[in-house]
Amino acid sequence: MVAVHMGAGIWICAGSTSLRTKTGSVIRRFQQKVVRKNLGANALSRRTKTALLPVGSALDKKTNTQVAKMLAGVPLFTGLKGKQIKSVASAFARERSYETGEVIEKEGGSAVAFYLITGGSVEVRKGEKLVSKLGRGQFFGEMALIDKQPRSATVVSAEPGTRCLVMPVWSFQAAIETDPKIAMGVMKELARRLRETTNALTE
């Protein structure tokens, strides 16, 4: 018999293959309802909202390894070991493409995902001011995985066919629940940053 936690104290027990299949469908519908509820007030593009819906399948082994190498360059994850990095890589929902000028994230909007750029480039804007331009292997929105504060800037696709892997915050939380060492690694990095900032202010 398989017991599946649905959240909010709800458990479903499945004993047969057919029942497990039906249970899986129920879980997917439940997840989609939760995702749409979380995205209701969020100013994301239609493609990004679609990317955040659960797909029920992880990255293949080769892609996971490639993504893990890119994630190793993200400061937030520098304290993680190889196995933990791969676990985080598996939390990406799917890859999405954006057209030139398409808004991926809007300043002041709800922060519900982390993005890893796999192709093309994006512009980061604060009001009307261009703050920076990011390309393949770079990232944005990583602090959404920690504090869920409103977006501090608008991110717009700078060229046709810009591609990003999208990691919803709830997928990252699920990875942490599976391997608590991920949380410890992230906490160590945040503590290191805080220590550096404190030392800089006291000098």
Protein backbone atom coordinates (compact mmCIF):
# COMPACT_ATOMS: atom_id res chain seq x y z
CA MET A 1 0.00 0.00 0.00
CA VAL A 2 1.27 3.49 -0.88
CA ALA A 3 0.46 6.53 1.26
CA VAL A 4 0.63 9.88 -0.54
CA HIS A 5 0.68 13.21 1.32
CA MET A 6 -1.52 15.81 -0.39
CA GLY A 7 -0.73 18.68 1.97
CA ALA A 8 -2.97 20.35 4.54
CA GLY A 9 -2.99 17.12 6.54
CA ILE A 10 -4.54 15.09 3.71
CA TRP A 11 -3.26 11.57 2.96
CA ILE A 12 -4.38 9.18 0.22
CA CYS A 13 -3.59 5.46 0.40
CA ALA A 14 -3.30 3.52 -2.84
CA GLY A 15 -3.05 -0.25 -2.88
CA SER A 16 -3.50 -1.25 -6.52
CA THR A 17 -1.88 -0.12 -9.77
CA SER A 18 -5.13 1.35 -11.12
CA LEU A 19 -5.76 3.16 -7.87
CA ARG A 20 -2.23 4.52 -7.83
CA THR A 21 -2.78 5.79 -11.38
CA LYS A 22 -5.97 7.51 -10.31
CA THR A 23 -4.20 8.87 -7.25
CA GLY A 24 -1.47 10.33 -9.47
CA SER A 25 -4.10 12.16 -11.52
CA VAL A 26 -5.69 13.53 -8.35
CA ILE A 27 -2.29 14.72 -7.12
CA ARG A 28 -1.53 16.46 -10.42
CA ARG A 29 -4.89 18.25 -10.35
CA PHE A 30 -4.26 19.24 -6.73
CA GLN A 31 -0.78 20.57 -7.60
CA GLN A 32 -2.13 22.56 -10.54
CA LYS A 33 -4.79 24.12 -8.32
CA VAL A 34 -2.12 25.15 -5.81
CA VAL A 35 0.11 26.55 -8.56
CA ARG A 36 -2.68 28.59 -10.13
CA LYS A 37 -3.67 29.92 -6.70
CA ASN A 38 -0.07 31.02 -6.08
CA LEU A 39 0.14 32.66 -9.50
CA GLY A 40 -3.19 34.45 -9.35
CA ALA A 41 -1.76 37.87 -8.45
CA ASN A 42 1.59 37.40 -10.14
CA ALA A 43 2.55 39.51 -13.15
CA LEU A 44 4.26 36.76 -15.15
CA SER A 45 4.08 36.06 -18.85
CA ARG A 46 1.67 33.34 -20.00
CA ARG A 47 4.61 31.13 -21.02
CA THR A 48 6.22 31.41 -17.59
CA LYS A 49 2.94 30.55 -15.87
CA THR A 50 2.71 27.46 -18.07
CA ALA A 51 6.29 26.55 -17.23
CA LEU A 52 5.47 26.58 -13.52
CA LEU A 53 2.73 23.98 -13.83
CA PRO A 54 3.92 20.51 -12.72
CA VAL A 55 5.02 18.24 -15.57
CA GLY A 56 5.50 15.03 -13.55
CA SER A 57 8.89 14.16 -15.04
CA ALA A 58 12.45 15.04 -14.07
CA LEU A 59 15.30 16.12 -16.35
CA ASP A 60 17.06 13.24 -18.07
CA LYS A 61 20.45 12.22 -16.64
CA LYS A 62 22.54 14.03 -19.26
CA THR A 63 20.58 17.28 -18.97
CA ASN A 64 20.60 17.06 -15.18
CA THR A 65 24.41 16.81 -15.20
CA GLN A 66 24.74 19.80 -17.55
CA VAL A 67 22.35 21.89 -15.46
CA ALA A 68 24.15 20.86 -12.26
CA LYS A 69 27.41 22.25 -13.68
CA MET A 70 25.69 25.56 -14.42
CA LEU A 71 24.13 25.64 -10.94
CA ALA A 72 27.55 25.18 -9.37
CA GLY A 73 28.27 28.74 -10.51
CA VAL A 74 25.27 30.17 -8.63
CA PRO A 75 26.59 31.76 -5.38
CA LEU A 76 23.58 30.55 -3.39
CA PHE A 77 24.56 26.92 -4.09
CA THR A 78 28.35 27.10 -3.72
CA GLY A 79 28.14 25.28 -0.38
CA LEU A 80 26.46 22.22 -1.91
CA LYS A 81 28.17 18.98 -2.91
CA GLY A 82 27.72 17.19 -6.24
CA LYS A 83 24.79 14.98 -5.21
CA GLN A 84 22.98 17.91 -3.62
CA ILE A 85 23.50 20.11 -6.68
CA LYS A 86 21.96 17.38 -8.86
CA SER A 87 18.99 17.17 -6.49
CA VAL A 88 18.46 20.92 -6.87
CA ALA A 89 18.81 20.61 -10.67
CA SER A 90 15.97 18.07 -10.68
CA ALA A 91 13.69 20.72 -9.14
CA PHE A 92 13.45 22.65 -12.42
CA ALA A 93 9.94 22.40 -13.89
CA ARG A 94 10.82 22.77 -17.57
CA GLU A 95 12.59 24.97 -20.10
CA ARG A 96 10.70 27.87 -21.66
CA SER A 97 11.44 30.23 -24.56
CA TYR A 98 10.58 33.94 -24.77
CA GLU A 99 10.28 36.39 -27.64
CA THR A 100 12.11 39.73 -27.81
CA GLY A 101 10.54 42.23 -25.41
CA GLU A 102 8.50 39.62 -23.56
CA VAL A 103 8.34 40.29 -19.82
CA ILE A 104 9.53 37.28 -17.84
CA GLU A 105 9.27 38.90 -14.40
CA LYS A 106 7.83 42.28 -13.47
CA GLU A 107 9.08 44.63 -10.77
CA GLY A 108 6.80 44.41 -7.72
CA GLY A 109 5.32 41.08 -8.82
CA SER A 110 5.21 37.94 -6.68
CA ALA A 111 8.52 36.08 -6.51
CA VAL A 112 7.73 32.41 -7.13
CA ALA A 113 10.60 31.08 -9.24
CA PHE A 114 14.32 31.00 -9.96
CA TYR A 115 15.58 31.15 -13.57
CA LEU A 116 18.69 29.73 -15.23
CA ILE A 117 19.35 31.11 -18.73
CA THR A 118 20.21 28.36 -21.21
CA GLY A 119 20.10 30.43 -24.41
CA GLY A 120 19.77 34.02 -25.59
CA SER A 121 19.82 36.92 -23.15
CA VAL A 122 17.66 39.07 -20.88
CA GLU A 123 17.68 42.68 -19.71
CA VAL A 124 17.20 43.58 -16.06
CA ARG A 125 15.44 46.92 -15.64
CA LYS A 126 14.69 49.07 -12.60
CA GLY A 127 11.90 51.39 -13.68
CA GLU A 128 13.08 52.77 -17.04
CA LYS A 129 16.76 52.21 -16.25
CA LEU A 130 18.70 49.27 -17.70
CA VAL A 131 20.56 47.70 -14.78
CA SER A 132 22.28 44.78 -16.49
CA LYS A 133 22.16 42.25 -19.31
CA LEU A 134 22.47 38.52 -18.61
CA GLY A 135 23.25 35.64 -20.96
CA ARG A 136 23.66 31.87 -21.13
CA GLY A 137 24.76 30.27 -17.87
CA GLN A 138 23.69 33.29 -15.83
CA PHE A 139 20.62 33.45 -13.62
CA PHE A 140 18.10 35.66 -11.83
CA GLY A 141 15.44 35.37 -9.15
CA GLU A 142 17.45 33.10 -6.83
CA MET A 143 16.39 34.92 -3.66
CA ALA A 144 12.77 33.98 -4.40
CA LEU A 145 13.76 30.50 -3.19
CA ILE A 146 14.48 31.98 0.24
CA ASP A 147 12.27 34.96 1.09
CA LYS A 148 9.47 35.28 -1.52
CA GLN A 149 9.69 39.09 -1.41
CA PRO A 150 8.27 41.09 -4.36
CA ARG A 151 10.53 41.30 -7.41
CA SER A 152 12.99 44.19 -7.18
CA ALA A 153 13.33 44.58 -10.96
CA THR A 154 11.70 43.74 -14.29
CA VAL A 155 13.34 41.08 -16.48
CA VAL A 156 12.69 41.17 -20.24
CA SER A 157 13.82 38.86 -23.03
CA ALA A 158 16.43 40.72 -25.10
CA GLU A 159 16.35 38.51 -28.20
CA PRO A 160 14.10 35.98 -29.94
CA GLY A 161 14.24 32.43 -28.66
CA THR A 162 15.70 33.29 -25.24
CA ARG A 163 15.43 30.13 -23.14
CA CYS A 164 15.27 29.70 -19.37
CA LEU A 165 14.94 26.75 -17.06
CA VAL A 166 12.33 27.62 -14.44
CA MET A 167 12.44 26.37 -10.85
CA PRO A 168 9.25 27.08 -8.82
CA VAL A 169 9.89 27.80 -5.14
CA TRP A 170 7.70 24.86 -4.08
CA SER A 171 9.82 22.45 -6.14
CA PHE A 172 12.94 23.75 -4.38
CA GLN A 173 11.22 23.29 -1.01
CA ALA A 174 10.39 19.69 -1.97
CA ALA A 175 14.07 19.08 -2.78
CA ILE A 176 15.03 20.42 0.65
CA GLU A 177 12.53 18.14 2.36
CA THR A 178 14.04 15.19 0.50
CA ASP A 179 17.61 16.16 1.43
CA PRO A 180 17.92 18.56 4.42
CA LYS A 181 21.66 18.92 3.69
CA ILE A 182 20.68 21.20 0.82
CA ALA A 183 19.15 23.63 3.32
CA MET A 184 22.27 23.46 5.48
CA GLY A 185 24.50 24.23 2.49
CA VAL A 186 22.37 27.23 1.50
CA MET A 187 22.27 28.48 5.10
CA LYS A 188 26.08 28.31 5.33
CA GLU A 189 26.41 30.40 2.19
CA LEU A 190 23.89 32.97 3.45
CA ALA A 191 25.74 33.10 6.80
CA ARG A 192 29.03 33.65 4.96
CA ARG A 193 27.53 36.53 2.98
CA LEU A 194 26.09 38.09 6.15
CA ARG A 195 29.48 37.80 7.89
CA GLU A 196 31.24 39.50 4.97
CA THR A 197 28.68 42.32 4.97
CA THR A 198 29.01 42.76 8.75
CA ASN A 199 32.81 42.87 8.52
CA ALA A 200 32.65 45.40 5.70
CA LEU A 201 30.35 47.68 7.73
CA THR A 202 32.59 47.53 10.81
CA GLU A 203 35.85 48.30 9.00
